[in-house]
Amino acid sequence: MKNIKSILKAGALAILATVMIASPTFADCPNLPGTPSNYPDLYFNSEHASPGNGFVQYCQRARLTAEDGSESTYYIYGKSTAACAQAGVATSDGNICTEATSLTLNEIVSQVISTIIYIIGIVAVIMIILGGIHYATSQGDPAKVKKGKDTILYGIIGLVIAILAYAIVNFVLEALNR
């Protein structure tokens, strides 16, 4: 019974950490390449080539930082020289990479579950480390040695479960996307 309580405590800690820490970034500049809704006369392209469709004027190159901190280079094309004047304003717009986008339910579920499993894996590794510390500092006390070994064992079990859950979730989501 004591072992089950330890597992439940570790699971509760993982869920709490997920709720408090995890804020998955669903996409890196989700509306780019393309035309952001706020700037209909501009087209952000990841390649240095005109996309056509009236966007014939090359404006500038810009490095944009997404919500997750990653940077991407985009080439900005406009419908006219006047449209290119908006390019500087557009690249300084903090919302250009965080604008809402329509995600499918599978994408949202996949990101949330992957984040939860990732956090559980981190907690399992931390539990293994804590178990090692308990074991190393037990000074031969049988109760502390047992506690350290049990913590390591449950951490390994948690890590294996997290890896298996990740594999199963990816398998199911890939099967659903076909």
C-alpha atoms as a PDB file:
ATOM      1  CA  MET A   1       0.000   0.000   0.000  1.00  0.00           C
ATOM      2  CA  LYS A   2       2.874   2.334   0.807  1.00  0.00           C
ATOM      3  CA  ASN A   3       4.326   1.725  -2.670  1.00  0.00           C
ATOM      4  CA  ILE A   4       1.058   2.689  -4.338  1.00  0.00           C
ATOM      5  CA  LYS A   5       0.962   5.919  -2.326  1.00  0.00           C
ATOM      6  CA  SER A   6       4.485   6.753  -3.512  1.00  0.00           C
ATOM      7  CA  ILE A   7       3.490   6.155  -7.127  1.00  0.00           C
ATOM      8  CA  LEU A   8       0.356   8.280  -6.717  1.00  0.00           C
ATOM      9  CA  LYS A   9       2.385  11.084  -5.130  1.00  0.00           C
ATOM     10  CA  ALA A  10       4.837  11.015  -8.042  1.00  0.00           C
ATOM     11  CA  GLY A  11       1.932  11.062 -10.516  1.00  0.00           C
ATOM     12  CA  ALA A  12       0.264  13.969  -8.705  1.00  0.00           C
ATOM     13  CA  LEU A  13       3.560  15.849  -8.729  1.00  0.00           C
ATOM     14  CA  ALA A  14       3.911  15.241 -12.469  1.00  0.00           C
ATOM     15  CA  ILE A  15       0.389  16.499 -13.149  1.00  0.00           C
ATOM     16  CA  LEU A  16       0.941  19.567 -10.974  1.00  0.00           C
ATOM     17  CA  ALA A  17       4.212  20.319 -12.750  1.00  0.00           C
ATOM     18  CA  THR A  18       2.466  19.939 -16.097  1.00  0.00           C
ATOM     19  CA  VAL A  19      -0.291  22.352 -15.162  1.00  0.00           C
ATOM     20  CA  MET A  20       2.082  24.920 -13.668  1.00  0.00           C
ATOM     21  CA  ILE A  21       5.009  24.713 -16.081  1.00  0.00           C
ATOM     22  CA  ALA A  22       3.821  23.306 -19.375  1.00  0.00           C
ATOM     23  CA  SER A  23       2.510  25.767 -21.872  1.00  0.00           C
ATOM     24  CA  PRO A  24       3.039  24.029 -25.174  1.00  0.00           C
ATOM     25  CA  THR A  25       3.880  26.126 -28.175  1.00  0.00           C
ATOM     26  CA  PHE A  26       1.694  24.750 -30.896  1.00  0.00           C
ATOM     27  CA  ALA A  27       3.584  26.235 -33.813  1.00  0.00           C
ATOM     28  CA  ASP A  28       6.556  28.354 -34.777  1.00  0.00           C
ATOM     29  CA  CYS A  29       5.024  31.356 -36.556  1.00  0.00           C
ATOM     30  CA  PRO A  30       1.832  29.413 -37.430  1.00  0.00           C
ATOM     31  CA  ASN A  31       0.569  31.900 -40.006  1.00  0.00           C
ATOM     32  CA  LEU A  32       3.886  32.157 -41.866  1.00  0.00           C
ATOM     33  CA  PRO A  33       4.848  31.669 -44.643  1.00  0.00           C
ATOM     34  CA  GLY A  34       1.826  33.425 -45.977  1.00  0.00           C
ATOM     35  CA  THR A  35      -0.126  36.627 -45.579  1.00  0.00           C
ATOM     36  CA  PRO A  36      -0.881  37.608 -41.977  1.00  0.00           C
ATOM     37  CA  SER A  37      -4.439  38.876 -41.538  1.00  0.00           C
ATOM     38  CA  ASN A  38      -3.201  42.240 -40.199  1.00  0.00           C
ATOM     39  CA  TYR A  39      -1.030  42.839 -43.299  1.00  0.00           C
ATOM     40  CA  PRO A  40      -3.000  41.719 -46.381  1.00  0.00           C
ATOM     41  CA  ASP A  41      -0.625  43.476 -48.819  1.00  0.00           C
ATOM     42  CA  LEU A  42       2.457  41.608 -47.547  1.00  0.00           C
ATOM     43  CA  TYR A  43       3.581  38.029 -48.041  1.00  0.00           C
ATOM     44  CA  PHE A  44       6.172  36.400 -45.761  1.00  0.00           C
ATOM     45  CA  ASN A  45       8.086  33.711 -47.620  1.00  0.00           C
ATOM     46  CA  SER A  46      10.690  31.351 -46.175  1.00  0.00           C
ATOM     47  CA  GLU A  47      12.431  31.253 -49.561  1.00  0.00           C
ATOM     48  CA  HIS A  48      13.908  34.171 -51.483  1.00  0.00           C
ATOM     49  CA  ALA A  49      11.489  33.819 -54.367  1.00  0.00           C
ATOM     50  CA  SER A  50       8.391  35.791 -55.243  1.00  0.00           C
ATOM     51  CA  PRO A  51       5.239  33.827 -54.401  1.00  0.00           C
ATOM     52  CA  GLY A  52       3.338  35.399 -57.275  1.00  0.00           C
ATOM     53  CA  ASN A  53      -0.362  36.188 -56.718  1.00  0.00           C
ATOM     54  CA  GLY A  54       0.334  39.922 -57.021  1.00  0.00           C
ATOM     55  CA  PHE A  55       3.186  39.969 -54.484  1.00  0.00           C
ATOM     56  CA  VAL A  56       5.843  41.053 -56.959  1.00  0.00           C
ATOM     57  CA  GLN A  57       7.798  43.706 -55.031  1.00  0.00           C
ATOM     58  CA  TYR A  58      10.663  42.400 -52.833  1.00  0.00           C
ATOM     59  CA  CYS A  59      10.640  44.450 -49.621  1.00  0.00           C
ATOM     60  CA  GLN A  60      13.183  43.115 -47.155  1.00  0.00           C
ATOM     61  CA  ARG A  61      14.516  40.153 -45.220  1.00  0.00           C
ATOM     62  CA  ALA A  62      13.609  39.803 -41.520  1.00  0.00           C
ATOM     63  CA  ARG A  63      14.446  37.517 -38.596  1.00  0.00           C
ATOM     64  CA  LEU A  64      11.344  36.854 -36.543  1.00  0.00           C
ATOM     65  CA  THR A  65      11.335  35.372 -33.058  1.00  0.00           C
ATOM     66  CA  ALA A  66       8.449  33.055 -32.248  1.00  0.00           C
ATOM     67  CA  GLU A  67       6.768  32.639 -28.864  1.00  0.00           C
ATOM     68  CA  ASP A  68       9.015  29.670 -28.046  1.00  0.00           C
ATOM     69  CA  GLY A  69      12.161  31.738 -28.670  1.00  0.00           C
ATOM     70  CA  SER A  70      13.098  30.138 -31.981  1.00  0.00           C
ATOM     71  CA  GLU A  71      14.124  32.426 -34.809  1.00  0.00           C
ATOM     72  CA  SER A  72      13.307  32.109 -38.492  1.00  0.00           C
ATOM     73  CA  THR A  73      14.300  34.132 -41.536  1.00  0.00           C
ATOM     74  CA  TYR A  74      11.530  35.360 -43.817  1.00  0.00           C
ATOM     75  CA  TYR A  75      11.665  37.283 -47.087  1.00  0.00           C
ATOM     76  CA  ILE A  76       8.907  39.862 -47.308  1.00  0.00           C
ATOM     77  CA  TYR A  77       7.167  40.612 -50.607  1.00  0.00           C
ATOM     78  CA  GLY A  78       4.548  43.274 -51.173  1.00  0.00           C
ATOM     79  CA  LYS A  79       1.927  44.081 -53.747  1.00  0.00           C
ATOM     80  CA  SER A  80       3.481  47.515 -54.268  1.00  0.00           C
ATOM     81  CA  THR A  81       6.191  49.869 -53.025  1.00  0.00           C
ATOM     82  CA  ALA A  82       3.624  51.426 -50.697  1.00  0.00           C
ATOM     83  CA  ALA A  83       2.872  48.006 -49.224  1.00  0.00           C
ATOM     84  CA  CYS A  84       6.591  47.512 -48.563  1.00  0.00           C
ATOM     85  CA  ALA A  85       6.471  50.555 -46.302  1.00  0.00           C
ATOM     86  CA  GLN A  86       4.423  48.403 -43.904  1.00  0.00           C
ATOM     87  CA  ALA A  87       7.124  45.718 -43.756  1.00  0.00           C
ATOM     88  CA  GLY A  88       9.058  47.458 -40.984  1.00  0.00           C
ATOM     89  CA  VAL A  89       5.909  47.814 -38.898  1.00  0.00           C
ATOM     90  CA  ALA A  90       4.963  44.188 -39.560  1.00  0.00           C
ATOM     91  CA  THR A  91       8.343  42.796 -38.488  1.00  0.00           C
ATOM     92  CA  SER A  92       8.239  44.742 -35.223  1.00  0.00           C
ATOM     93  CA  ASP A  93       4.713  43.484 -34.502  1.00  0.00           C
ATOM     94  CA  GLY A  94       5.041  41.117 -31.549  1.00  0.00           C
ATOM     95  CA  ASN A  95       1.842  39.306 -32.533  1.00  0.00           C
ATOM     96  CA  ILE A  96       2.937  38.299 -36.013  1.00  0.00           C
ATOM     97  CA  CYS A  97       4.233  34.906 -34.802  1.00  0.00           C
ATOM     98  CA  THR A  98       1.608  34.307 -32.135  1.00  0.00           C
ATOM     99  CA  GLU A  99      -1.511  35.028 -34.139  1.00  0.00           C
ATOM    100  CA  ALA A 100      -4.208  32.427 -33.574  1.00  0.00           C
ATOM    101  CA  THR A 101      -4.434  29.669 -36.088  1.00  0.00           C
ATOM    102  CA  SER A 102      -6.890  26.875 -36.611  1.00  0.00           C
ATOM    103  CA  LEU A 103      -5.457  23.679 -35.183  1.00  0.00           C
ATOM    104  CA  THR A 104      -7.085  20.340 -35.569  1.00  0.00           C
ATOM    105  CA  LEU A 105      -8.196  18.464 -32.491  1.00  0.00           C
ATOM    106  CA  ASN A 106      -5.571  15.782 -33.183  1.00  0.00           C
ATOM    107  CA  GLU A 107      -2.792  18.403 -33.231  1.00  0.00           C
ATOM    108  CA  ILE A 108      -3.923  19.934 -29.946  1.00  0.00           C
ATOM    109  CA  VAL A 109      -4.305  16.536 -28.252  1.00  0.00           C
ATOM    110  CA  SER A 110      -0.925  15.428 -29.587  1.00  0.00           C
ATOM    111  CA  GLN A 111       0.851  18.519 -28.258  1.00  0.00           C
ATOM    112  CA  VAL A 112      -0.827  18.377 -24.841  1.00  0.00           C
ATOM    113  CA  ILE A 113      -0.193  14.652 -24.371  1.00  0.00           C
ATOM    114  CA  SER A 114       3.404  14.935 -25.593  1.00  0.00           C
ATOM    115  CA  THR A 115       4.015  17.758 -23.126  1.00  0.00           C
ATOM    116  CA  ILE A 116       2.489  15.791 -20.251  1.00  0.00           C
ATOM    117  CA  ILE A 117       4.534  12.700 -21.083  1.00  0.00           C
ATOM    118  CA  TYR A 118       7.683  14.820 -21.402  1.00  0.00           C
ATOM    119  CA  ILE A 119       7.095  16.325 -17.947  1.00  0.00           C
ATOM    120  CA  ILE A 120       6.419  12.873 -16.476  1.00  0.00           C
ATOM    121  CA  GLY A 121       9.705  11.675 -17.963  1.00  0.00           C
ATOM    122  CA  ILE A 122      11.534  14.592 -16.360  1.00  0.00           C
ATOM    123  CA  VAL A 123       9.918  13.861 -12.991  1.00  0.00           C
ATOM    124  CA  ALA A 124      10.899  10.185 -13.301  1.00  0.00           C
ATOM    125  CA  VAL A 125      14.522  11.117 -13.945  1.00  0.00           C
ATOM    126  CA  ILE A 126      14.456  13.481 -10.953  1.00  0.00           C
ATOM    127  CA  MET A 127      13.057  10.662  -8.816  1.00  0.00           C
ATOM    128  CA  ILE A 128      15.909   8.384  -9.941  1.00  0.00           C
ATOM    129  CA  ILE A 129      18.431  11.064  -8.991  1.00  0.00           C
ATOM    130  CA  LEU A 130      16.763  11.621  -5.601  1.00  0.00           C
ATOM    131  CA  GLY A 131      16.753   7.860  -5.004  1.00  0.00           C
ATOM    132  CA  GLY A 132      20.460   7.771  -5.780  1.00  0.00           C
ATOM    133  CA  ILE A 133      21.073  10.585  -3.302  1.00  0.00           C
ATOM    134  CA  HIS A 134      19.046   8.756  -0.613  1.00  0.00           C
ATOM    135  CA  TYR A 135      20.953   5.554  -1.328  1.00  0.00           C
ATOM    136  CA  ALA A 136      24.348   7.263  -1.285  1.00  0.00           C
ATOM    137  CA  THR A 137      23.662   9.097   1.974  1.00  0.00           C
ATOM    138  CA  SER A 138      22.067   6.157   3.802  1.00  0.00           C
ATOM    139  CA  GLN A 139      25.302   5.281   5.655  1.00  0.00           C
ATOM    140  CA  GLY A 140      24.263   1.643   5.815  1.00  0.00           C
ATOM    141  CA  ASP A 141      20.898   2.278   7.517  1.00  0.00           C
ATOM    142  CA  PRO A 142      18.686  -0.510   6.109  1.00  0.00           C
ATOM    143  CA  ALA A 143      15.544   1.635   6.098  1.00  0.00           C
ATOM    144  CA  LYS A 144      17.243   4.442   4.145  1.00  0.00           C
ATOM    145  CA  VAL A 145      18.879   1.962   1.753  1.00  0.00           C
ATOM    146  CA  LYS A 146      15.464   0.403   1.045  1.00  0.00           C
ATOM    147  CA  LYS A 147      13.888   3.842   0.578  1.00  0.00           C
ATOM    148  CA  GLY A 148      16.632   4.831  -1.889  1.00  0.00           C
ATOM    149  CA  LYS A 149      16.344   1.574  -3.850  1.00  0.00           C
ATOM    150  CA  ASP A 150      12.550   1.822  -3.957  1.00  0.00           C
ATOM    151  CA  THR A 151      12.695   5.418  -5.195  1.00  0.00           C
ATOM    152  CA  ILE A 152      15.125   4.436  -7.941  1.00  0.00           C
ATOM    153  CA  LEU A 153      12.944   1.456  -8.899  1.00  0.00           C
ATOM    154  CA  TYR A 154       9.755   3.527  -9.069  1.00  0.00           C
ATOM    155  CA  GLY A 155      11.558   6.243 -11.013  1.00  0.00           C
ATOM    156  CA  ILE A 156      12.712   3.667 -13.571  1.00  0.00           C
ATOM    157  CA  ILE A 157       9.199   2.207 -13.770  1.00  0.00           C
ATOM    158  CA  GLY A 158       7.814   5.724 -14.309  1.00  0.00           C
ATOM    159  CA  LEU A 159      10.382   6.418 -17.018  1.00  0.00           C
ATOM    160  CA  VAL A 160       9.569   3.166 -18.837  1.00  0.00           C
ATOM    161  CA  ILE A 161       5.835   3.907 -18.610  1.00  0.00           C
ATOM    162  CA  ALA A 162       6.399   7.442 -19.964  1.00  0.00           C
ATOM    163  CA  ILE A 163       8.414   6.097 -22.916  1.00  0.00           C
ATOM    164  CA  LEU A 164       5.809   3.432 -23.676  1.00  0.00           C
ATOM    165  CA  ALA A 165       2.972   5.946 -23.356  1.00  0.00           C
ATOM    166  CA  TYR A 166       4.752   8.288 -25.763  1.00  0.00           C
ATOM    167  CA  ALA A 167       5.164   5.465 -28.284  1.00  0.00           C
ATOM    168  CA  ILE A 168       1.531   4.363 -27.937  1.00  0.00           C
ATOM    169  CA  VAL A 169       0.161   7.906 -28.243  1.00  0.00           C
ATOM    170  CA  ASN A 170       2.228   8.583 -31.369  1.00  0.00           C
ATOM    171  CA  PHE A 171       1.144   5.268 -32.887  1.00  0.00           C
ATOM    172  CA  VAL A 172      -2.554   5.973 -32.231  1.00  0.00           C
ATOM    173  CA  LEU A 173      -2.379   9.566 -33.491  1.00  0.00           C
ATOM    174  CA  GLU A 174      -0.565   8.493 -36.673  1.00  0.00           C
ATOM    175  CA  ALA A 175      -3.214   5.825 -37.238  1.00  0.00           C
ATOM    176  CA  LEU A 176      -5.962   8.410 -36.781  1.00  0.00           C
ATOM    177  CA  ASN A 177      -4.311  10.850 -39.201  1.00  0.00           C
ATOM    178  CA  ARG A 178      -4.273   8.306 -42.050  1.00  0.00           C
END
